[in-house]
Each structure stands twice: as structure tokens, then as C-alpha cells.
């Protein structure tokens, strides 16, 4: 065998080994337990990250803590909706799981296990979000611009940073149709929900505790879209209780579509009147043994300094009494 032949065989062998390694990497890169995915070494910091004034400026330093938090979410795959560096080398990651549940994860930036996981009730899209490779690239959206994050000498994709390009929708004075029973694509207009403040989520949780929003097998469309789980379940009731003091689970109503006594929403509009004032309006249908009655709905709510919510007025009188 000539030296040239030996060198050619060696090069082919090295190339084959590299290809096998690459295929193995690609086969496991979507696994959140894969060390390649969870460590920061080798991440390529883009020019946009270096120039940014948000948390992505520190992306490489915050990445391991963020991934350990995402890994701790009970419903995989999860993605980060907000990343906040804290004093003392800590960080707080707000994340949403595959089941819609939103959690705040507090963790040491150099740690591997979360210090605490607590329920949250709003996505808070004020900062860039991060979708790891395990989640898959999110669908294109007119208000999101995606930046691919790459790692290693092969420039493997490990996720996407989503930058918000539209003005936050929940400004005072704007009407937002959030539910329309006759809408062909589905009754919930999910495009307006991102960025909804936590008090808005809790107000809608209270509204849905009294009014059917396309319910079947324990699930209701609007409650589910808000990430509150089953209708009148623990998470739904907890969200209401945090906002409305004294709320009891027995006050929450679940009536599946087709029940003989039921109140359902035909359409719902949510409006922020001022910083601490909200309005829910629309139309509802009340059904009982006397037939169907369509009624207009209008309710106003005020949010106190400590986050407590008070319903100041409502057109629904004795709604639960048939």
C-alpha cells in the first residue's frame, strides 16, 4: 500500500466517523437531557445579542440556568417567555409547558436545580422569548421575528430567540374580541392573548367560572387557551382566588355544551379602560326549561394596589339561579 493510498483511506475513515458523530448529534439534539443542548460552551453569540439591551445580551451566561428550568417543567417541551437576571447571581425564568401551564422558576445562574417553581398566569411578552430545539421552531407570526441560535463547529441549531415586533396590544382604550362562538377557525382569538397582563387573565378566569365557553369533557375553550387547565380545576380556581379574595370553588360552574340549564358566551370583548380598570362586554345566551334568552353582558373591574380585583358593576343579576 502506497503512502498516498493510506492517507486517502485515513481521510475517508475520519470523514465517516465525523458523519456518524454528526448523525448521532442530530438524532439527540432535540432531547433536553442532551449535554450538548444544555451547556453554554460553544454557543455562537450573534452581533444582535451583543448590541441588545435586554436579557439576550447575557444569553450565554443565562443559558444553562434557563435550560435547567425548562427541563424541570412537568409538561415537556417547555419554552421561556421571560428571562430575568436577579441580584446575587440568581435568575428567574417564566416558562410555559406543552399543557399551557405557566411557571416561574427561580434558580442560581450557576446551579443545576431550581430553588422554586411557582404558578404564574400571564406570558408577559415584553421581552424576547426562547424556544429550545426540543420545542421545534414556532409557527411564523406577524408580530415575531426569529433569530436562530447556533452552537459548535458544525453550527447546530439549539433554539430560536423570538423578538416582538409589534406594539403591546393591551393599551388603554382598545377593544379586543377574544371569543366568538361563530368563528370558523375556533371560538378563541388566540392572537390577542400574548402579552395579556396577569390581572386580565384572572378577570377572564372569573368570567369563565360563570359562563360556558365551548365546554366538553371538563375542558372549556377560553379557560384552556388561558393556560388554566380544566374548567373549575385547581389551577383555574387558584387563579381566581389570587385575584378575587373570598372566592370559593363551589362558585365555579361547569356545564358541558348541551346541558338543559346553561349560560354560554356568544362573544366576549375585553377592554382596558385605564391602568387599573378593565371592562368585559359582549353577548350571552341563557337556556333553561323556558327556552333561550339572549342578553347583553357588561362588567367593570378595578385592580387594587396589592393586586386584588373587585367587580364594580355587572349586568348579570343572580346569574346562577334558574
Protein backbone atom coordinates (compact mmCIF):
# COMPACT_ATOMS: atom_id res chain seq x y z
CA UNK A 1 0.00 0.00 0.00
CA UNK A 2 1.40 3.33 -1.00
CA UNK A 3 1.59 6.28 1.38
CA UNK A 4 -0.90 8.15 -0.79
CA UNK A 5 -3.42 5.27 -0.59
CA UNK A 6 -3.00 5.03 3.18
CA UNK A 7 -3.60 8.78 3.58
CA UNK A 8 -6.73 8.54 1.39
CA UNK A 9 -8.15 5.66 3.46
CA UNK A 10 -7.38 7.54 6.69
CA UNK A 11 -9.14 10.67 5.47
CA UNK A 12 -12.18 8.64 4.40
CA UNK A 13 -12.28 6.96 7.81
CA UNK A 14 -12.11 10.28 9.64
CA UNK A 15 -14.82 11.71 7.40
CA UNK A 16 -17.07 8.71 8.03
CA UNK A 17 -16.53 8.97 11.78
CA UNK A 18 -17.38 12.70 11.64
CA UNK A 19 -20.57 11.96 9.70
CA UNK A 20 -21.60 9.28 12.20
CA UNK A 21 -20.94 11.69 15.05
CA UNK A 22 -22.98 14.38 13.31
CA UNK A 23 -25.88 11.99 12.70
CA UNK A 24 -25.80 10.90 16.35
CA UNK A 25 -25.78 14.53 17.42
CA UNK A 26 -28.72 15.38 15.20
CA UNK A 27 -30.59 12.35 16.49
CA UNK A 28 -30.25 13.53 20.08
CA UNK A 29 -30.13 17.31 19.76
CA UNK A 30 -33.87 17.60 20.35
CA UNK A 31 -33.52 15.82 23.70
CA UNK A 32 -33.46 18.37 26.51
CA UNK A 33 -31.32 15.97 28.59
CA UNK A 34 -28.57 16.02 25.97
CA UNK A 35 -25.45 17.74 27.36
CA UNK A 36 -24.81 19.39 24.00
CA UNK A 37 -28.16 21.15 24.30
CA UNK A 38 -27.94 22.19 27.97
CA UNK A 39 -24.41 23.62 28.23
CA UNK A 40 -23.25 27.05 27.08
CA UNK A 41 -19.81 26.12 25.76
CA UNK A 42 -19.60 26.66 22.02
CA UNK A 43 -22.66 28.91 21.65
CA UNK A 44 -22.16 31.47 18.91
CA UNK A 45 -23.05 34.92 20.26
CA UNK A 46 -24.54 36.97 17.44
CA UNK A 47 -23.97 40.64 16.78
CA UNK A 48 -27.62 41.26 17.68
CA UNK A 49 -27.10 39.67 21.12
CA UNK A 50 -24.01 41.81 21.75
CA UNK A 51 -25.91 45.01 20.88
CA UNK A 52 -29.15 44.16 22.69
CA UNK A 53 -30.29 45.93 25.85
CA UNK A 54 -32.39 43.03 27.10
CA UNK A 55 -31.51 39.69 28.68
CA UNK A 56 -30.22 38.24 25.40
CA UNK A 57 -27.11 40.41 25.86
CA UNK A 58 -26.22 37.87 28.59
CA UNK A 59 -27.62 34.89 26.68
CA UNK A 60 -24.56 32.66 27.05
CA UNK A 61 -24.29 33.26 30.82
CA UNK A 62 -28.03 32.69 31.42
CA UNK A 63 -28.47 29.79 29.01
CA UNK A 64 -27.57 26.85 31.33
CA UNK A 65 -29.84 28.09 34.14
CA UNK A 66 -32.66 28.67 31.65
CA UNK A 67 -32.30 25.15 30.25
CA UNK A 68 -32.27 23.57 33.72
CA UNK A 69 -35.52 25.41 34.47
CA UNK A 70 -37.11 24.33 31.19
CA UNK A 71 -36.06 20.76 31.95
CA UNK A 72 -37.87 20.99 35.33
CA UNK A 73 -41.25 21.87 33.81
CA UNK A 74 -43.55 18.83 34.25
CA UNK A 75 -45.04 19.21 30.74
CA UNK A 76 -42.42 18.90 28.00
CA UNK A 77 -41.44 20.55 25.78
CA UNK A 78 -41.36 23.92 27.54
CA UNK A 79 -40.23 27.34 26.33
CA UNK A 80 -39.13 30.53 28.09
CA UNK A 81 -41.41 33.56 27.83
CA UNK A 82 -39.31 35.81 30.06
CA UNK A 83 -35.78 35.65 31.49
CA UNK A 84 -34.81 37.99 34.34
CA UNK A 85 -31.31 38.24 35.85
CA UNK A 86 -31.56 38.86 39.61
CA UNK A 87 -29.18 40.13 42.24
CA UNK A 88 -26.88 37.69 43.96
CA UNK A 89 -26.25 35.62 40.83
CA UNK A 90 -29.85 34.40 40.61
CA UNK A 91 -32.25 34.31 37.68
CA UNK A 92 -36.00 33.93 37.24
CA UNK A 93 -37.36 32.14 34.20
CA UNK A 94 -41.04 32.37 33.26
CA UNK A 95 -41.89 29.37 31.11
CA UNK A 96 -44.86 27.64 29.51
CA UNK A 97 -45.18 23.88 29.14
CA UNK A 98 -46.84 21.77 26.48
CA UNK A 99 -50.05 21.71 28.55
CA UNK A 100 -50.21 25.53 28.71
CA UNK A 101 -49.20 25.71 32.37
CA UNK A 102 -47.07 28.77 33.15
CA UNK A 103 -44.44 28.61 35.90
CA UNK A 104 -41.88 30.97 37.38
CA UNK A 105 -38.59 29.20 38.05
CA UNK A 106 -36.03 30.75 40.40
CA UNK A 107 -32.52 29.35 40.07
CA UNK A 108 -28.89 30.15 40.76
CA UNK A 109 -27.26 31.14 37.47
CA UNK A 110 -24.58 28.51 38.08
CA UNK A 111 -26.92 25.94 39.59
CA UNK A 112 -28.48 22.86 38.08
CA UNK A 113 -31.67 22.58 40.17
CA UNK A 114 -34.43 25.20 40.56
CA UNK A 115 -34.83 26.76 44.00
CA UNK A 116 -38.56 27.20 43.48
CA UNK A 117 -41.33 26.66 40.95
CA UNK A 118 -44.48 28.77 41.35
CA UNK A 119 -47.57 29.14 39.19
CA UNK A 120 -47.96 32.28 37.08
CA UNK A 121 -50.91 33.36 34.96
CA UNK A 122 -49.56 35.55 32.16
CA UNK A 123 -46.98 35.10 29.43
CA UNK A 124 -45.60 38.65 29.74
CA UNK A 125 -44.30 39.04 26.19
CA UNK A 126 -42.44 42.26 26.99
CA UNK A 127 -39.04 40.62 26.46
CA UNK A 128 -37.68 38.22 23.84
CA UNK A 129 -38.80 34.62 24.30
CA UNK A 130 -36.70 31.49 23.71
CA UNK A 131 -37.82 28.27 22.07
CA UNK A 132 -35.34 25.39 22.56
CA UNK A 133 -34.74 22.85 19.82
CA UNK A 134 -36.89 20.33 21.74
CA UNK A 135 -39.88 22.61 21.19
CA UNK A 136 -39.25 23.00 17.50
CA UNK A 137 -39.33 26.24 15.57
CA UNK A 138 -42.59 28.05 16.36
CA UNK A 139 -45.00 29.00 13.61
CA UNK A 140 -44.45 32.25 11.77
CA UNK A 141 -46.28 35.21 13.30
CA UNK A 142 -46.63 38.74 12.02
CA UNK A 143 -45.52 40.14 15.38
CA UNK A 144 -42.50 37.88 15.91
CA UNK A 145 -39.05 37.86 14.33
CA UNK A 146 -36.95 34.74 14.95
CA UNK A 147 -33.20 34.62 15.50
CA UNK A 148 -31.61 31.20 15.20
CA UNK A 149 -29.16 30.27 17.95
CA UNK A 150 -26.30 28.02 16.87
CA UNK A 151 -23.57 26.10 18.64
CA UNK A 152 -20.38 24.19 17.94
CA UNK A 153 -18.10 23.94 14.94
CA UNK A 154 -20.97 22.38 12.98
CA UNK A 155 -23.21 25.34 13.80
CA UNK A 156 -26.01 23.09 15.06
CA UNK A 157 -29.28 24.86 15.87
CA UNK A 158 -30.14 24.74 19.59
CA UNK A 159 -33.16 27.03 19.53
CA UNK A 160 -34.70 30.32 18.46
CA UNK A 161 -35.00 33.72 20.12
CA UNK A 162 -38.34 35.35 19.34
CA UNK A 163 -38.27 39.15 19.21
CA UNK A 164 -41.55 41.05 19.46
CA UNK A 165 -42.01 43.49 16.62
CA UNK A 166 -45.50 44.85 17.35
CA UNK A 167 -46.69 47.32 19.95
CA UNK A 168 -48.04 45.52 23.05
CA UNK A 169 -51.78 45.10 22.37
CA UNK A 170 -53.17 45.80 25.79
CA UNK A 171 -53.14 49.59 25.77
CA UNK A 172 -55.90 51.55 27.49
CA UNK A 173 -58.95 52.27 25.37
CA UNK A 174 -58.64 49.41 22.86
CA UNK A 175 -61.36 46.77 22.37
CA UNK A 176 -60.14 43.20 21.86
CA UNK A 177 -62.51 40.49 20.68
CA UNK A 178 -61.26 37.39 22.46
CA UNK A 179 -64.13 34.95 21.94
CA UNK A 180 -66.60 34.48 19.09
CA UNK A 181 -68.74 31.35 19.08
CA UNK A 182 -69.48 31.65 15.34
CA UNK A 183 -65.83 31.94 14.26
CA UNK A 184 -64.95 29.16 11.80
CA UNK A 185 -61.31 28.83 12.93
CA UNK A 186 -62.42 28.25 16.54
CA UNK A 187 -64.06 30.49 19.11
CA UNK A 188 -60.93 31.81 20.86
CA UNK A 189 -58.98 34.55 19.09
CA UNK A 190 -55.61 33.42 20.45
CA UNK A 191 -53.60 36.08 18.63
CA UNK A 192 -54.63 38.73 21.17
CA UNK A 193 -53.80 36.68 24.28
CA UNK A 194 -49.97 37.01 24.24
CA UNK A 195 -48.98 39.96 26.41
CA UNK A 196 -52.24 39.93 28.35
CA UNK A 197 -51.36 41.16 31.88
CA UNK A 198 -51.92 38.84 34.80
CA UNK A 199 -54.93 40.77 36.11
CA UNK A 200 -56.57 40.37 32.69
CA UNK A 201 -56.07 36.61 32.85
CA UNK A 202 -57.62 36.48 36.33
CA UNK A 203 -60.61 38.57 35.25
CA UNK A 204 -61.26 36.23 32.32
CA UNK A 205 -60.81 33.26 34.67
CA UNK A 206 -63.59 34.73 36.83
CA UNK A 207 -65.82 35.35 33.82
CA UNK A 208 -65.38 31.78 32.57
CA UNK A 209 -66.22 30.42 36.02
CA UNK A 210 -69.79 31.61 35.41
CA UNK A 211 -70.22 31.37 31.65
CA UNK A 212 -69.72 28.43 29.30
CA UNK A 213 -67.10 28.96 26.58
CA UNK A 214 -67.46 25.83 24.41
CA UNK A 215 -67.05 23.17 27.08
CA UNK A 216 -66.71 19.41 26.70
CA UNK A 217 -65.22 16.64 28.86
CA UNK A 218 -64.08 19.00 31.60
CA UNK A 219 -62.38 21.45 29.25
CA UNK A 220 -63.60 24.85 28.09
CA UNK A 221 -62.06 26.64 25.11
CA UNK A 222 -61.22 30.00 26.70
CA UNK A 223 -60.08 28.54 30.02
CA UNK A 224 -57.78 26.16 28.15
CA UNK A 225 -56.39 28.92 25.91
CA UNK A 226 -55.51 30.95 29.01
CA UNK A 227 -53.41 28.05 30.30
CA UNK A 228 -55.74 27.42 33.26
CA UNK A 229 -56.30 23.72 32.66
CA UNK A 230 -59.62 22.03 33.34
CA UNK A 231 -62.70 24.10 33.96
CA UNK A 232 -63.08 24.65 37.73
CA UNK A 233 -59.92 22.62 38.30
CA UNK A 234 -57.29 23.54 40.89
CA UNK A 235 -55.35 25.88 38.62
CA UNK A 236 -58.47 27.67 37.37
CA UNK A 237 -59.81 28.20 40.89
CA UNK A 238 -56.38 29.24 42.23
CA UNK A 239 -56.07 31.95 39.56
CA UNK A 240 -59.47 33.36 40.53
CA UNK A 241 -58.74 33.14 44.26
CA UNK A 242 -55.48 35.07 43.85
CA UNK A 243 -57.36 37.94 42.23
CA UNK A 244 -60.76 37.79 43.91
CA UNK A 245 -60.50 37.33 47.66
CA UNK A 246 -63.10 35.06 49.20
CA UNK A 247 -63.84 33.13 46.02
CA UNK A 248 -64.90 29.57 46.77
CA UNK A 249 -64.58 26.64 44.39
CA UNK A 250 -68.30 25.93 44.81
CA UNK A 251 -68.98 29.19 42.95
CA UNK A 252 -67.32 27.85 39.81
CA UNK A 253 -69.70 26.26 37.32
CA UNK A 254 -69.02 23.61 34.70
CA UNK A 255 -71.83 22.87 32.28
CA UNK A 256 -70.95 20.95 29.11
CA UNK A 257 -72.43 22.03 25.82
CA UNK A 258 -75.97 20.72 25.54
CA UNK A 259 -76.85 20.97 29.24
CA UNK A 260 -80.52 21.80 29.86
CA UNK A 261 -79.67 24.73 32.15
CA UNK A 262 -76.71 26.73 30.96
CA UNK A 263 -75.35 30.21 30.24
CA UNK A 264 -72.93 30.41 27.34
CA UNK A 265 -70.98 33.22 25.73
CA UNK A 266 -71.79 34.20 22.15
CA UNK A 267 -68.97 36.72 22.06
CA UNK A 268 -66.69 38.41 24.59
CA UNK A 269 -64.70 41.64 24.33
CA UNK A 270 -62.01 42.63 26.81
CA UNK A 271 -61.04 46.28 27.14
CA UNK A 272 -58.51 48.02 29.37
CA UNK A 273 -60.20 51.26 30.36
CA UNK A 274 -57.23 52.60 32.33
CA UNK A 275 -54.13 51.24 34.06
CA UNK A 276 -56.18 49.60 36.83
CA UNK A 277 -59.64 49.42 35.22
CA UNK A 278 -61.00 46.73 32.90
CA UNK A 279 -64.26 46.03 31.11
CA UNK A 280 -65.73 42.78 29.78
CA UNK A 281 -68.62 43.09 27.35
CA UNK A 282 -70.40 41.01 24.75
CA UNK A 283 -73.46 38.82 24.45
CA UNK A 284 -74.58 35.70 26.31
CA UNK A 285 -77.39 33.17 25.93
CA UNK A 286 -79.27 31.80 28.89
CA UNK A 287 -81.00 28.44 28.35
CA UNK A 288 -83.43 26.68 30.68
CA UNK A 289 -86.81 24.94 30.53
CA UNK A 290 -88.37 28.22 29.43
CA UNK A 291 -86.25 28.43 26.28
CA UNK A 292 -83.30 30.56 25.15
CA UNK A 293 -82.82 34.22 26.08
CA UNK A 294 -80.08 36.36 24.58
CA UNK A 295 -78.73 39.08 26.85
CA UNK A 296 -76.06 41.77 26.59
CA UNK A 297 -73.14 41.48 29.01
CA UNK A 298 -71.16 44.32 30.52
CA UNK A 299 -68.96 44.16 33.61
CA UNK A 300 -66.33 46.54 35.01
CA UNK A 301 -63.43 45.63 37.26
CA UNK A 302 -60.90 47.59 39.31
CA UNK A 303 -57.45 46.34 40.35
CA UNK A 304 -56.14 47.48 43.74
CA UNK A 305 -52.60 48.40 44.75
CA UNK A 306 -51.84 44.91 46.03
CA UNK A 307 -53.38 43.13 43.03
CA UNK A 308 -56.82 42.43 44.47
CA UNK A 309 -59.62 42.68 41.90
CA UNK A 310 -63.13 43.98 42.57
CA UNK A 311 -66.06 43.70 40.17
CA UNK A 312 -67.68 47.14 40.34
CA UNK A 313 -70.67 46.53 38.09
CA UNK A 314 -72.36 43.74 36.15
CA UNK A 315 -75.46 43.24 34.03
CA UNK A 316 -75.70 39.64 35.27
CA UNK A 317 -78.03 39.51 38.27
CA UNK A 318 -78.48 36.23 40.14
CA UNK A 319 -76.80 34.52 37.20
CA UNK A 320 -76.60 31.18 38.96
CA UNK A 321 -80.27 30.98 39.84
CA UNK A 322 -82.53 29.29 37.29
